[in-house]
Amino acid sequence: GYTWRLEDENGEFLSLVTRPVSLRVIPPGHDPFDYALTHA
């Protein structure tokens, strides 16, 4: 699961999103964290 929070250059909140990435969709041999980072 990942959550990203984005802010502008003044520290003002822009967006917050949480998403899951199932291990079943991660191709064999790929690092799960690298795959989730690409997804995010």
Full PDB file with SEQRES, HELIX, SHEET, SSBOND, CRYST1, ORIGX, SCALE, CONECT and MASTER records, all heavy atoms in Angstrom:
SEQRES   1 A   40  GLY TYR THR TRP ARG LEU GLU ASP GLU ASN GLY GLU PHE          
SEQRES   2 A   40  LEU SER LEU VAL THR ARG PRO VAL SER LEU ARG VAL ILE          
SEQRES   3 A   40  PRO PRO GLY HIS ASP PRO PHE ASP TYR ALA LEU THR HIS          
SEQRES   4 A   40  ALA                                                          
HELIX    1 AA1 LEU A   23  VAL A   25  5                                   3    
HELIX    2 AA2 PRO A   32  HIS A   39  1                                   8    
SHEET    1 AA1 2 TYR A   2  GLU A   7  0                                        
SHEET    2 AA1 2 PHE A  13  ARG A  19 -1                                        
CRYST1    1.000    1.000    1.000  90.00  90.00  90.00 P 1           1          
ORIGX1      1.000000  0.000000  0.000000        0.00000                         
ORIGX2      0.000000  1.000000  0.000000        0.00000                         
ORIGX3      0.000000  0.000000  1.000000        0.00000                         
SCALE1      1.000000  0.000000  0.000000        0.00000                         
SCALE2      0.000000  1.000000  0.000000        0.00000                         
SCALE3      0.000000  0.000000  1.000000        0.00000                         
ATOM      1  N   GLY A   1       0.848  -1.181   0.000  1.00  0.00           N  
ATOM      2  CA  GLY A   1       0.000   0.000   0.000  1.00  0.00           C  
ATOM      3  C   GLY A   1       0.883   1.229   0.000  1.00  0.00           C  
ATOM      4  O   GLY A   1       1.964   1.224   0.588  1.00  0.00           O  
ATOM      5  N   TYR A   2       0.457   2.263  -0.714  1.00  0.00           N  
ATOM      6  CA  TYR A   2       1.233   3.494  -0.697  1.00  0.00           C  
ATOM      7  C   TYR A   2       0.316   4.687  -0.528  1.00  0.00           C  
ATOM      8  O   TYR A   2      -0.855   4.662  -0.881  1.00  0.00           O  
ATOM      9  CB  TYR A   2       2.116   3.645  -1.936  1.00  0.00           C  
ATOM     10  CG  TYR A   2       1.385   3.794  -3.249  1.00  0.00           C  
ATOM     11  CD1 TYR A   2       0.856   5.017  -3.655  1.00  0.00           C  
ATOM     12  CD2 TYR A   2       1.243   2.710  -4.106  1.00  0.00           C  
ATOM     13  CE1 TYR A   2       0.205   5.153  -4.868  1.00  0.00           C  
ATOM     14  CE2 TYR A   2       0.601   2.833  -5.312  1.00  0.00           C  
ATOM     15  CZ  TYR A   2       0.081   4.063  -5.697  1.00  0.00           C  
ATOM     16  OH  TYR A   2      -0.566   4.189  -6.887  1.00  0.00           O  
ATOM     17  N   THR A   3       0.887   5.732   0.048  1.00  0.00           N  
ATOM     18  CA  THR A   3       0.190   7.007   0.217  1.00  0.00           C  
ATOM     19  C   THR A   3       1.131   8.105  -0.226  1.00  0.00           C  
ATOM     20  O   THR A   3       2.288   8.139   0.192  1.00  0.00           O  
ATOM     21  CB  THR A   3      -0.185   7.236   1.702  1.00  0.00           C  
ATOM     22  OG1 THR A   3      -1.037   6.181   2.121  1.00  0.00           O  
ATOM     23  CG2 THR A   3      -0.900   8.566   1.886  1.00  0.00           C  
ATOM     24  N   TRP A   4       0.637   8.981  -1.110  1.00  0.00           N  
ATOM     25  CA  TRP A   4       1.444  10.138  -1.470  1.00  0.00           C  
ATOM     26  C   TRP A   4       0.737  11.410  -1.069  1.00  0.00           C  
ATOM     27  O   TRP A   4      -0.468  11.516  -1.126  1.00  0.00           O  
ATOM     28  CB  TRP A   4       1.861  10.158  -2.929  1.00  0.00           C  
ATOM     29  CG  TRP A   4       0.859   9.924  -4.004  1.00  0.00           C  
ATOM     30  CD1 TRP A   4       0.597   8.736  -4.613  1.00  0.00           C  
ATOM     31  CD2 TRP A   4       0.020  10.885  -4.666  1.00  0.00           C  
ATOM     32  NE1 TRP A   4      -0.342   8.897  -5.595  1.00  0.00           N  
ATOM     33  CE2 TRP A   4      -0.713  10.211  -5.654  1.00  0.00           C  
ATOM     34  CE3 TRP A   4      -0.183  12.249  -4.527  1.00  0.00           C  
ATOM     35  CZ2 TRP A   4      -1.633  10.845  -6.482  1.00  0.00           C  
ATOM     36  CZ3 TRP A   4      -1.103  12.892  -5.349  1.00  0.00           C  
ATOM     37  CH2 TRP A   4      -1.807  12.190  -6.312  1.00  0.00           C  
ATOM     38  N   ARG A   5       1.543  12.344  -0.575  1.00  0.00           N  
ATOM     39  CA  ARG A   5       1.067  13.665  -0.179  1.00  0.00           C  
ATOM     40  C   ARG A   5       1.937  14.691  -0.893  1.00  0.00           C  
ATOM     41  O   ARG A   5       3.164  14.639  -0.810  1.00  0.00           O  
ATOM     42  CB  ARG A   5       1.184  13.849   1.328  1.00  0.00           C  
ATOM     43  CG  ARG A   5       0.746  15.226   1.784  1.00  0.00           C  
ATOM     44  CD  ARG A   5       0.975  15.442   3.264  1.00  0.00           C  
ATOM     45  NE  ARG A   5       0.807  16.835   3.612  1.00  0.00           N  
ATOM     46  CZ  ARG A   5      -0.326  17.387   4.015  1.00  0.00           C  
ATOM     47  NH1 ARG A   5      -1.406  16.643   4.144  1.00  0.00           N  
ATOM     48  NH2 ARG A   5      -0.401  18.669   4.299  1.00  0.00           N  
ATOM     49  N   LEU A   6       1.284  15.606  -1.593  1.00  0.00           N  
ATOM     50  CA  LEU A   6       2.002  16.618  -2.364  1.00  0.00           C  
ATOM     51  C   LEU A   6       1.703  18.009  -1.810  1.00  0.00           C  
ATOM     52  O   LEU A   6       0.567  18.295  -1.411  1.00  0.00           O  
ATOM     53  CB  LEU A   6       1.598  16.555  -3.835  1.00  0.00           C  
ATOM     54  CG  LEU A   6       1.746  15.198  -4.520  1.00  0.00           C  
ATOM     55  CD1 LEU A   6       1.283  15.290  -5.964  1.00  0.00           C  
ATOM     56  CD2 LEU A   6       3.165  14.691  -4.437  1.00  0.00           C  
ATOM     57  N   GLU A   7       2.728  18.862  -1.812  1.00  0.00           N  
ATOM     58  CA  GLU A   7       2.603  20.245  -1.357  1.00  0.00           C  
ATOM     59  C   GLU A   7       3.270  21.159  -2.372  1.00  0.00           C  
ATOM     60  O   GLU A   7       4.226  20.751  -3.046  1.00  0.00           O  
ATOM     61  CB  GLU A   7       3.279  20.427  -0.004  1.00  0.00           C  
ATOM     62  CG  GLU A   7       2.664  19.590   1.092  1.00  0.00           C  
ATOM     63  CD  GLU A   7       3.413  19.732   2.408  1.00  0.00           C  
ATOM     64  OE1 GLU A   7       4.523  20.304   2.416  1.00  0.00           O  
ATOM     65  OE2 GLU A   7       2.873  19.261   3.426  1.00  0.00           O  
ATOM     66  N   ASP A   8       2.791  22.406  -2.460  1.00  0.00           N  
ATOM     67  CA  ASP A   8       3.447  23.356  -3.355  1.00  0.00           C  
ATOM     68  C   ASP A   8       4.706  23.896  -2.683  1.00  0.00           C  
ATOM     69  O   ASP A   8       5.037  23.529  -1.552  1.00  0.00           O  
ATOM     70  CB  ASP A   8       2.497  24.464  -3.804  1.00  0.00           C  
ATOM     71  CG  ASP A   8       2.110  25.445  -2.718  1.00  0.00           C  
ATOM     72  OD1 ASP A   8       2.708  25.419  -1.621  1.00  0.00           O  
ATOM     73  OD2 ASP A   8       1.195  26.252  -2.952  1.00  0.00           O  
ATOM     74  N   GLU A   9       5.403  24.767  -3.383  1.00  0.00           N  
ATOM     75  CA  GLU A   9       6.687  25.263  -2.872  1.00  0.00           C  
ATOM     76  C   GLU A   9       6.546  26.103  -1.607  1.00  0.00           C  
ATOM     77  O   GLU A   9       7.518  26.341  -0.900  1.00  0.00           O  
ATOM     78  CB  GLU A   9       7.419  26.048  -3.959  1.00  0.00           C  
ATOM     79  CG  GLU A   9       6.609  27.164  -4.543  1.00  0.00           C  
ATOM     80  CD  GLU A   9       7.156  27.672  -5.859  1.00  0.00           C  
ATOM     81  OE1 GLU A   9       8.227  27.237  -6.290  1.00  0.00           O  
ATOM     82  OE2 GLU A   9       6.494  28.522  -6.464  1.00  0.00           O  
ATOM     83  N   ASN A  10       5.324  26.542  -1.271  1.00  0.00           N  
ATOM     84  CA  ASN A  10       5.064  27.299  -0.053  1.00  0.00           C  
ATOM     85  C   ASN A  10       4.579  26.408   1.087  1.00  0.00           C  
ATOM     86  O   ASN A  10       4.200  26.903   2.140  1.00  0.00           O  
ATOM     87  CB  ASN A  10       4.044  28.404  -0.314  1.00  0.00           C  
ATOM     88  CG  ASN A  10       4.530  29.391  -1.354  1.00  0.00           C  
ATOM     89  OD1 ASN A  10       5.686  29.803  -1.320  1.00  0.00           O  
ATOM     90  ND2 ASN A  10       3.670  29.737  -2.293  1.00  0.00           N  
ATOM     91  N   GLY A  11       4.534  25.094   0.848  1.00  0.00           N  
ATOM     92  CA  GLY A  11       4.084  24.158   1.866  1.00  0.00           C  
ATOM     93  C   GLY A  11       2.582  23.980   1.926  1.00  0.00           C  
ATOM     94  O   GLY A  11       2.064  23.309   2.812  1.00  0.00           O  
ATOM     95  N   GLU A  12       1.857  24.552   0.962  1.00  0.00           N  
ATOM     96  CA  GLU A  12       0.395  24.423   0.921  1.00  0.00           C  
ATOM     97  C   GLU A  12       0.004  23.047   0.381  1.00  0.00           C  
ATOM     98  O   GLU A  12       0.517  22.597  -0.637  1.00  0.00           O  
ATOM     99  CB  GLU A  12      -0.204  25.510   0.042  1.00  0.00           C  
ATOM    100  CG  GLU A  12      -1.711  25.532   0.048  1.00  0.00           C  
ATOM    101  CD  GLU A  12      -2.275  26.680  -0.787  1.00  0.00           C  
ATOM    102  OE1 GLU A  12      -1.657  27.751  -0.842  1.00  0.00           O  
ATOM    103  OE2 GLU A  12      -3.347  26.466  -1.397  1.00  0.00           O  
ATOM    104  N   PHE A  13      -0.908  22.389   1.074  1.00  0.00           N  
ATOM    105  CA  PHE A  13      -1.385  21.064   0.688  1.00  0.00           C  
ATOM    106  C   PHE A  13      -2.011  21.092  -0.705  1.00  0.00           C  
ATOM    107  O   PHE A  13      -2.806  21.962  -1.029  1.00  0.00           O  
ATOM    108  CB  PHE A  13      -2.419  20.581   1.709  1.00  0.00           C  
ATOM    109  CG  PHE A  13      -3.119  19.323   1.308  1.00  0.00           C  
ATOM    110  CD1 PHE A  13      -2.519  18.097   1.456  1.00  0.00           C  
ATOM    111  CD2 PHE A  13      -4.396  19.375   0.763  1.00  0.00           C  
ATOM    112  CE1 PHE A  13      -3.166  16.930   1.075  1.00  0.00           C  
ATOM    113  CE2 PHE A  13      -5.055  18.219   0.380  1.00  0.00           C  
ATOM    114  CZ  PHE A  13      -4.430  17.001   0.538  1.00  0.00           C  
ATOM    115  N   LEU A  14      -1.653  20.107  -1.536  1.00  0.00           N  
ATOM    116  CA  LEU A  14      -2.231  19.971  -2.870  1.00  0.00           C  
ATOM    117  C   LEU A  14      -3.067  18.702  -3.010  1.00  0.00           C  
ATOM    118  O   LEU A  14      -4.162  18.750  -3.540  1.00  0.00           O  
ATOM    119  CB  LEU A  14      -1.135  19.976  -3.939  1.00  0.00           C  
ATOM    120  CG  LEU A  14      -0.328  21.260  -4.085  1.00  0.00           C  
ATOM    121  CD1 LEU A  14       0.806  21.052  -5.078  1.00  0.00           C  
ATOM    122  CD2 LEU A  14      -1.224  22.408  -4.515  1.00  0.00           C  
ATOM    123  N   SER A  15      -2.540  17.559  -2.561  1.00  0.00           N  
ATOM    124  CA  SER A  15      -3.251  16.314  -2.783  1.00  0.00           C  
ATOM    125  C   SER A  15      -2.725  15.211  -1.875  1.00  0.00           C  
ATOM    126  O   SER A  15      -1.548  15.194  -1.517  1.00  0.00           O  
ATOM    127  CB  SER A  15      -3.090  15.894  -4.241  1.00  0.00           C  
ATOM    128  OG  SER A  15      -3.811  14.720  -4.499  1.00  0.00           O  
ATOM    129  N   LEU A  16      -3.629  14.273  -1.557  1.00  0.00           N  
ATOM    130  CA  LEU A  16      -3.286  13.092  -0.764  1.00  0.00           C  
ATOM    131  C   LEU A  16      -4.052  11.919  -1.349  1.00  0.00           C  
ATOM    132  O   LEU A  16      -5.272  11.993  -1.517  1.00  0.00           O  
ATOM    133  CB  LEU A  16      -3.683  13.292   0.700  1.00  0.00           C  
ATOM    134  CG  LEU A  16      -3.504  12.088   1.613  1.00  0.00           C  
ATOM    135  CD1 LEU A  16      -2.033  11.929   1.968  1.00  0.00           C  
ATOM    136  CD2 LEU A  16      -4.328  12.270   2.873  1.00  0.00           C  
ATOM    137  N   VAL A  17      -3.349  10.846  -1.697  1.00  0.00           N  
ATOM    138  CA  VAL A  17      -3.971   9.665  -2.297  1.00  0.00           C  
ATOM    139  C   VAL A  17      -3.353   8.414  -1.679  1.00  0.00           C  
ATOM    140  O   VAL A  17      -2.147   8.351  -1.467  1.00  0.00           O  
ATOM    141  CB  VAL A  17      -3.777   9.647  -3.834  1.00  0.00           C  
ATOM    142  CG1 VAL A  17      -4.236   8.335  -4.436  1.00  0.00           C  
ATOM    143  CG2 VAL A  17      -4.494  10.818  -4.478  1.00  0.00           C  
ATOM    144  N   THR A  18      -4.192   7.419  -1.397  1.00  0.00           N  
ATOM    145  CA  THR A  18      -3.743   6.122  -0.906  1.00  0.00           C  
ATOM    146  C   THR A  18      -4.237   5.047  -1.867  1.00  0.00           C  
ATOM    147  O   THR A  18      -5.404   5.060  -2.260  1.00  0.00           O  
ATOM    148  CB  THR A  18      -4.296   5.851   0.508  1.00  0.00           C  
ATOM    149  OG1 THR A  18      -3.813   6.867   1.381  1.00  0.00           O  
ATOM    150  CG2 THR A  18      -3.857   4.491   1.021  1.00  0.00           C  
ATOM    151  N   ARG A  19      -3.342   4.133  -2.253  1.00  0.00           N  
ATOM    152  CA  ARG A  19      -3.684   3.066  -3.183  1.00  0.00           C  
ATOM    153  C   ARG A  19      -2.993   1.759  -2.777  1.00  0.00           C  
ATOM    154  O   ARG A  19      -1.891   1.771  -2.268  1.00  0.00           O  
ATOM    155  CB  ARG A  19      -3.215   3.391  -4.597  1.00  0.00           C  
ATOM    156  CG  ARG A  19      -3.835   4.611  -5.218  1.00  0.00           C  
ATOM    157  CD  ARG A  19      -5.107   4.253  -5.930  1.00  0.00           C  
ATOM    158  NE  ARG A  19      -5.590   5.375  -6.701  1.00  0.00           N  
ATOM    159  CZ  ARG A  19      -6.539   6.201  -6.302  1.00  0.00           C  
ATOM    160  NH1 ARG A  19      -7.083   6.045  -5.133  1.00  0.00           N  
ATOM    161  NH2 ARG A  19      -6.940   7.190  -7.066  1.00  0.00           N  
ATOM    162  N   PRO A  20      -3.633   0.622  -3.099  1.00  0.00           N  
ATOM    163  CA  PRO A  20      -2.976  -0.672  -2.918  1.00  0.00           C  
ATOM    164  C   PRO A  20      -2.417  -1.195  -4.242  1.00  0.00           C  
ATOM    165  O   PRO A  20      -2.921  -0.855  -5.314  1.00  0.00           O  
ATOM    166  CB  PRO A  20      -4.120  -1.568  -2.452  1.00  0.00           C  
ATOM    167  CG  PRO A  20      -5.304  -1.019  -3.194  1.00  0.00           C  
ATOM    168  CD  PRO A  20      -5.071   0.481  -3.282  1.00  0.00           C  
ATOM    169  N   VAL A  21      -1.372  -1.997  -4.164  1.00  0.00           N  
ATOM    170  CA  VAL A  21      -0.850  -2.727  -5.317  1.00  0.00           C  
ATOM    171  C   VAL A  21      -0.752  -4.187  -4.884  1.00  0.00           C  
ATOM    172  O   VAL A  21       0.030  -4.529  -4.001  1.00  0.00           O  
ATOM    173  CB  VAL A  21       0.536  -2.212  -5.758  1.00  0.00           C  
ATOM    174  CG1 VAL A  21       1.065  -3.031  -6.929  1.00  0.00           C  
ATOM    175  CG2 VAL A  21       0.482  -0.738  -6.116  1.00  0.00           C  
ATOM    176  N   SER A  22      -1.558  -5.028  -5.492  1.00  0.00           N  
ATOM    177  CA  SER A  22      -1.575  -6.445  -5.148  1.00  0.00           C  
ATOM    178  C   SER A  22      -0.292  -7.127  -5.603  1.00  0.00           C  
ATOM    179  O   SER A  22       0.236  -6.834  -6.682  1.00  0.00           O  
ATOM    180  CB  SER A  22      -2.778  -7.121  -5.807  1.00  0.00           C  
ATOM    181  OG  SER A  22      -2.712  -8.521  -5.631  1.00  0.00           O  
ATOM    182  N   LEU A  23       0.198  -8.043  -4.792  1.00  0.00           N  
ATOM    183  CA  LEU A  23       1.384  -8.809  -5.185  1.00  0.00           C  
ATOM    184  C   LEU A  23       1.120  -9.650  -6.432  1.00  0.00           C  
ATOM    185  O   LEU A  23       2.050  -9.992  -7.159  1.00  0.00           O  
ATOM    186  CB  LEU A  23       1.849  -9.705  -4.034  1.00  0.00           C  
ATOM    187  CG  LEU A  23       2.433  -8.978  -2.823  1.00  0.00           C  
ATOM    188  CD1 LEU A  23       2.781  -9.976  -1.720  1.00  0.00           C  
ATOM    189  CD2 LEU A  23       3.658  -8.153  -3.189  1.00  0.00           C  
ATOM    190  N   ARG A  24      -0.153  -9.951  -6.710  1.00  0.00           N  
ATOM    191  CA  ARG A  24      -0.492 -10.767  -7.885  1.00  0.00           C  
ATOM    192  C   ARG A  24      -0.234 -10.041  -9.197  1.00  0.00           C  
ATOM    193  O   ARG A  24      -0.048 -10.685 -10.227  1.00  0.00           O  
ATOM    194  CB  ARG A  24      -1.951 -11.202  -7.820  1.00  0.00           C  
ATOM    195  CG  ARG A  24      -2.204 -12.216  -6.717  1.00  0.00           C  
ATOM    196  CD  ARG A  24      -3.628 -12.635  -6.699  1.00  0.00           C  
ATOM    197  NE  ARG A  24      -4.415 -11.511  -6.186  1.00  0.00           N  
ATOM    198  CZ  ARG A  24      -5.722 -11.484  -6.094  1.00  0.00           C  
ATOM    199  NH1 ARG A  24      -6.428 -12.508  -6.508  1.00  0.00           N  
ATOM    200  NH2 ARG A  24      -6.348 -10.458  -5.595  1.00  0.00           N  
ATOM    201  N   VAL A  25      -0.226  -8.705  -9.194  1.00  0.00           N  
ATOM    202  CA  VAL A  25      -0.015  -7.972 -10.443  1.00  0.00           C  
ATOM    203  C   VAL A  25       1.453  -7.615 -10.682  1.00  0.00           C  
ATOM    204  O   VAL A  25       1.807  -7.143 -11.754  1.00  0.00           O  
ATOM    205  CB  VAL A  25      -0.876  -6.684 -10.511  1.00  0.00           C  
ATOM    206  CG1 VAL A  25      -2.343  -7.005 -10.382  1.00  0.00           C  
ATOM    207  CG2 VAL A  25      -0.447  -5.676  -9.462  1.00  0.00           C  
ATOM    208  N   ILE A  26       2.294  -7.861  -9.690  1.00  0.00           N  
ATOM    209  CA  ILE A  26       3.716  -7.551  -9.831  1.00  0.00           C  
ATOM    210  C   ILE A  26       4.382  -8.693 -10.600  1.00  0.00           C  
ATOM    211  O   ILE A  26       4.306  -9.850 -10.199  1.00  0.00           O  
ATOM    212  CB  ILE A  26       4.375  -7.352  -8.453  1.00  0.00           C  
ATOM    213  CG1 ILE A  26       3.699  -6.174  -7.741  1.00  0.00           C  
ATOM    214  CG2 ILE A  26       5.875  -7.125  -8.600  1.00  0.00           C  
ATOM    215  CD1 ILE A  26       4.126  -5.979  -6.308  1.00  0.00           C  
ATOM    216  N   PRO A  27       5.005  -8.385 -11.732  1.00  0.00           N  
ATOM    217  CA  PRO A  27       5.630  -9.441 -12.544  1.00  0.00           C  
ATOM    218  C   PRO A  27       6.709 -10.189 -11.766  1.00  0.00           C  
ATOM    219  O   PRO A  27       7.428  -9.592 -10.959  1.00  0.00           O  
ATOM    220  CB  PRO A  27       6.246  -8.673 -13.719  1.00  0.00           C  
ATOM    221  CG  PRO A  27       5.526  -7.370 -13.764  1.00  0.00           C  
ATOM    222  CD  PRO A  27       5.153  -7.062 -12.346  1.00  0.00           C  
ATOM    223  N   PRO A  28       6.839 -11.489 -12.010  1.00  0.00           N  
ATOM    224  CA  PRO A  28       7.881 -12.277 -11.342  1.00  0.00           C  
ATOM    225  C   PRO A  28       9.262 -11.681 -11.602  1.00  0.00           C  
ATOM    226  O   PRO A  28       9.559 -11.225 -12.710  1.00  0.00           O  
ATOM    227  CB  PRO A  28       7.762 -13.657 -11.981  1.00  0.00           C  
ATOM    228  CG  PRO A  28       6.384 -13.702 -12.555  1.00  0.00           C  
ATOM    229  CD  PRO A  28       6.033 -12.293 -12.923  1.00  0.00           C  
ATOM    230  N   GLY A  29      10.067 -11.663 -10.574  1.00  0.00           N  
ATOM    231  CA  GLY A  29      11.421 -11.149 -10.708  1.00  0.00           C  
ATOM    232  C   GLY A  29      11.566  -9.655 -10.483  1.00  0.00           C  
ATOM    233  O   GLY A  29      12.673  -9.144 -10.433  1.00  0.00           O  
ATOM    234  N   HIS A  30      10.456  -8.931 -10.382  1.00  0.00           N  
ATOM    235  CA  HIS A  30      10.510  -7.492 -10.143  1.00  0.00           C  
ATOM    236  C   HIS A  30      10.474  -7.212  -8.643  1.00  0.00           C  
ATOM    237  O   HIS A  30       9.770  -7.885  -7.893  1.00  0.00           O  
ATOM    238  CB  HIS A  30       9.334  -6.778 -10.814  1.00  0.00           C  
ATOM    239  CG  HIS A  30       9.489  -6.634 -12.281  1.00  0.00           C  
ATOM    240  ND1 HIS A  30       9.258  -7.671 -13.159  1.00  0.00           N  
ATOM    241  CD2 HIS A  30       9.855  -5.588 -13.029  1.00  0.00           C  
ATOM    242  CE1 HIS A  30       9.468  -7.256 -14.382  1.00  0.00           C  
ATOM    243  NE2 HIS A  30       9.838  -5.987 -14.332  1.00  0.00           N  
ATOM    244  N   ASP A  31      11.208  -6.198  -8.224  1.00  0.00           N  
ATOM    245  CA  ASP A  31      11.165  -5.780  -6.831  1.00  0.00           C  
ATOM    246  C   ASP A  31       9.791  -5.156  -6.559  1.00  0.00           C  
ATOM    247  O   ASP A  31       9.379  -4.241  -7.277  1.00  0.00           O  
ATOM    248  CB  ASP A  31      12.264  -4.751  -6.556  1.00  0.00           C  
ATOM    249  CG  ASP A  31      12.220  -4.257  -5.136  1.00  0.00           C  
ATOM    250  OD1 ASP A  31      12.729  -4.960  -4.249  1.00  0.00           O  
ATOM    251  OD2 ASP A  31      11.656  -3.166  -4.910  1.00  0.00           O  
ATOM    252  N   PRO A  32       9.063  -5.634  -5.550  1.00  0.00           N  
ATOM    253  CA  PRO A  32       7.721  -5.113  -5.284  1.00  0.00           C  
ATOM    254  C   PRO A  32       7.697  -3.621  -4.977  1.00  0.00           C  
ATOM    255  O   PRO A  32       6.786  -2.911  -5.395  1.00  0.00           O  
ATOM    256  CB  PRO A  32       7.242  -5.921  -4.075  1.00  0.00           C  
ATOM    257  CG  PRO A  32       8.109  -7.115  -4.011  1.00  0.00           C  
ATOM    258  CD  PRO A  32       9.397  -6.753  -4.666  1.00  0.00           C  
ATOM    259  N   PHE A  33       8.716  -3.135  -4.271  1.00  0.00           N  
ATOM    260  CA  PHE A  33       8.746  -1.707  -3.949  1.00  0.00           C  
ATOM    261  C   PHE A  33       9.016  -0.855  -5.186  1.00  0.00           C  
ATOM    262  O   PHE A  33       8.418   0.202  -5.362  1.00  0.00           O  
ATOM    263  CB  PHE A  33       9.779  -1.420  -2.856  1.00  0.00           C  
ATOM    264  CG  PHE A  33       9.308  -1.798  -1.484  1.00  0.00           C  
ATOM    265  CD1 PHE A  33       9.752  -2.958  -0.891  1.00  0.00           C  
ATOM    266  CD2 PHE A  33       8.407  -1.002  -0.791  1.00  0.00           C  
ATOM    267  CE1 PHE A  33       9.320  -3.320   0.377  1.00  0.00           C  
ATOM    268  CE2 PHE A  33       7.959  -1.355   0.471  1.00  0.00           C  
ATOM    269  CZ  PHE A  33       8.418  -2.509   1.059  1.00  0.00           C  
ATOM    270  N   ASP A  34       9.914  -1.297  -6.050  1.00  0.00           N  
ATOM    271  CA  ASP A  34      10.178  -0.549  -7.284  1.00  0.00           C  
ATOM    272  C   ASP A  34       8.942  -0.522  -8.173  1.00  0.00           C  
ATOM    273  O   ASP A  34       8.623   0.501  -8.787  1.00  0.00           O  
ATOM    274  CB  ASP A  34      11.362  -1.152  -8.043  1.00  0.00           C  
ATOM    275  CG  ASP A  34      12.692  -0.854  -7.374  1.00  0.00           C  
ATOM    276  OD1 ASP A  34      12.778   0.116  -6.593  1.00  0.00           O  
ATOM    277  OD2 ASP A  34      13.661  -1.602  -7.643  1.00  0.00           O  
ATOM    278  N   TYR A  35       8.240  -1.641  -8.247  1.00  0.00           N  
ATOM    279  CA  TYR A  35       7.010  -1.695  -9.041  1.00  0.00           C  
ATOM    280  C   TYR A  35       5.962  -0.746  -8.456  1.00  0.00           C  
ATOM    281  O   TYR A  35       5.306  -0.001  -9.192  1.00  0.00           O  
ATOM    282  CB  TYR A  35       6.470  -3.123  -9.092  1.00  0.00           C  
ATOM    283  CG  TYR A  35       5.315  -3.285 -10.046  1.00  0.00           C  
ATOM    284  CD1 TYR A  35       5.532  -3.554 -11.392  1.00  0.00           C  
ATOM    285  CD2 TYR A  35       4.002  -3.147  -9.608  1.00  0.00           C  
ATOM    286  CE1 TYR A  35       4.478  -3.691 -12.278  1.00  0.00           C  
ATOM    287  CE2 TYR A  35       2.940  -3.284 -10.489  1.00  0.00           C  
ATOM    288  CZ  TYR A  35       3.189  -3.550 -11.818  1.00  0.00           C  
ATOM    289  OH  TYR A  35       2.131  -3.675 -12.690  1.00  0.00           O  
ATOM    290  N   ALA A  36       5.811  -0.746  -7.128  1.00  0.00           N  
ATOM    291  CA  ALA A  36       4.843   0.138  -6.474  1.00  0.00           C  
ATOM    292  C   ALA A  36       5.229   1.602  -6.661  1.00  0.00           C  
ATOM    293  O   ALA A  36       4.352   2.461  -6.834  1.00  0.00           O  
ATOM    294  CB  ALA A  36       4.722  -0.207  -4.998  1.00  0.00           C  
ATOM    295  N   LEU A  37       6.525   1.914  -6.659  1.00  0.00           N  
ATOM    296  CA  LEU A  37       6.968   3.291  -6.898  1.00  0.00           C  
ATOM    297  C   LEU A  37       6.591   3.726  -8.307  1.00  0.00           C  
ATOM    298  O   LEU A  37       6.074   4.829  -8.511  1.00  0.00           O  
ATOM    299  CB  LEU A  37       8.478   3.416  -6.679  1.00  0.00           C  
ATOM    300  CG  LEU A  37       9.086   4.788  -6.980  1.00  0.00           C  
ATOM    301  CD1 LEU A  37       8.451   5.888  -6.136  1.00  0.00           C  
ATOM    302  CD2 LEU A  37      10.598   4.755  -6.780  1.00  0.00           C  
ATOM    303  N   THR A  38       6.819   2.864  -9.291  1.00  0.00           N  
ATOM    304  CA  THR A  38       6.423   3.179 -10.666  1.00  0.00           C  
ATOM    305  C   THR A  38       4.916   3.405 -10.757  1.00  0.00           C  
ATOM    306  O   THR A  38       4.450   4.327 -11.426  1.00  0.00           O  
ATOM    307  CB  THR A  38       6.851   2.033 -11.606  1.00  0.00           C  
ATOM    308  OG1 THR A  38       8.260   1.860 -11.509  1.00  0.00           O  
ATOM    309  CG2 THR A  38       6.479   2.322 -13.044  1.00  0.00           C  
ATOM    310  N   HIS A  39       4.151   2.576 -10.065  1.00  0.00           N  
ATOM    311  CA  HIS A  39       2.692   2.694 -10.020  1.00  0.00           C  
ATOM    312  C   HIS A  39       2.288   4.045  -9.419  1.00  0.00           C  
ATOM    313  O   HIS A  39       1.401   4.734  -9.930  1.00  0.00           O  
ATOM    314  CB  HIS A  39       2.133   1.533  -9.194  1.00  0.00           C  
ATOM    315  CG  HIS A  39       0.662   1.353  -9.274  1.00  0.00           C  
ATOM    316  ND1 HIS A  39      -0.217   2.044  -8.474  1.00  0.00           N  
ATOM    317  CD2 HIS A  39      -0.090   0.542 -10.048  1.00  0.00           C  
ATOM    318  CE1 HIS A  39      -1.443   1.672  -8.744  1.00  0.00           C  
ATOM    319  NE2 HIS A  39      -1.393   0.750  -9.712  1.00  0.00           N  
ATOM    320  N   ALA A  40       2.939   4.445  -8.333  1.00  0.00           N  
ATOM    321  CA  ALA A  40       2.624   5.713  -7.667  1.00  0.00           C  
ATOM    322  C   ALA A  40       2.966   6.907  -8.554  1.00  0.00           C  
ATOM    323  O   ALA A  40       2.165   7.848  -8.672  1.00  0.00           O  
ATOM    324  CB  ALA A  40       3.375   5.803  -6.341  1.00  0.00           C  
TER     325      ALA A  40                                                      
MASTER        0    0    0    2    2    0    0    6  324    1    0    4          
END                                                                             
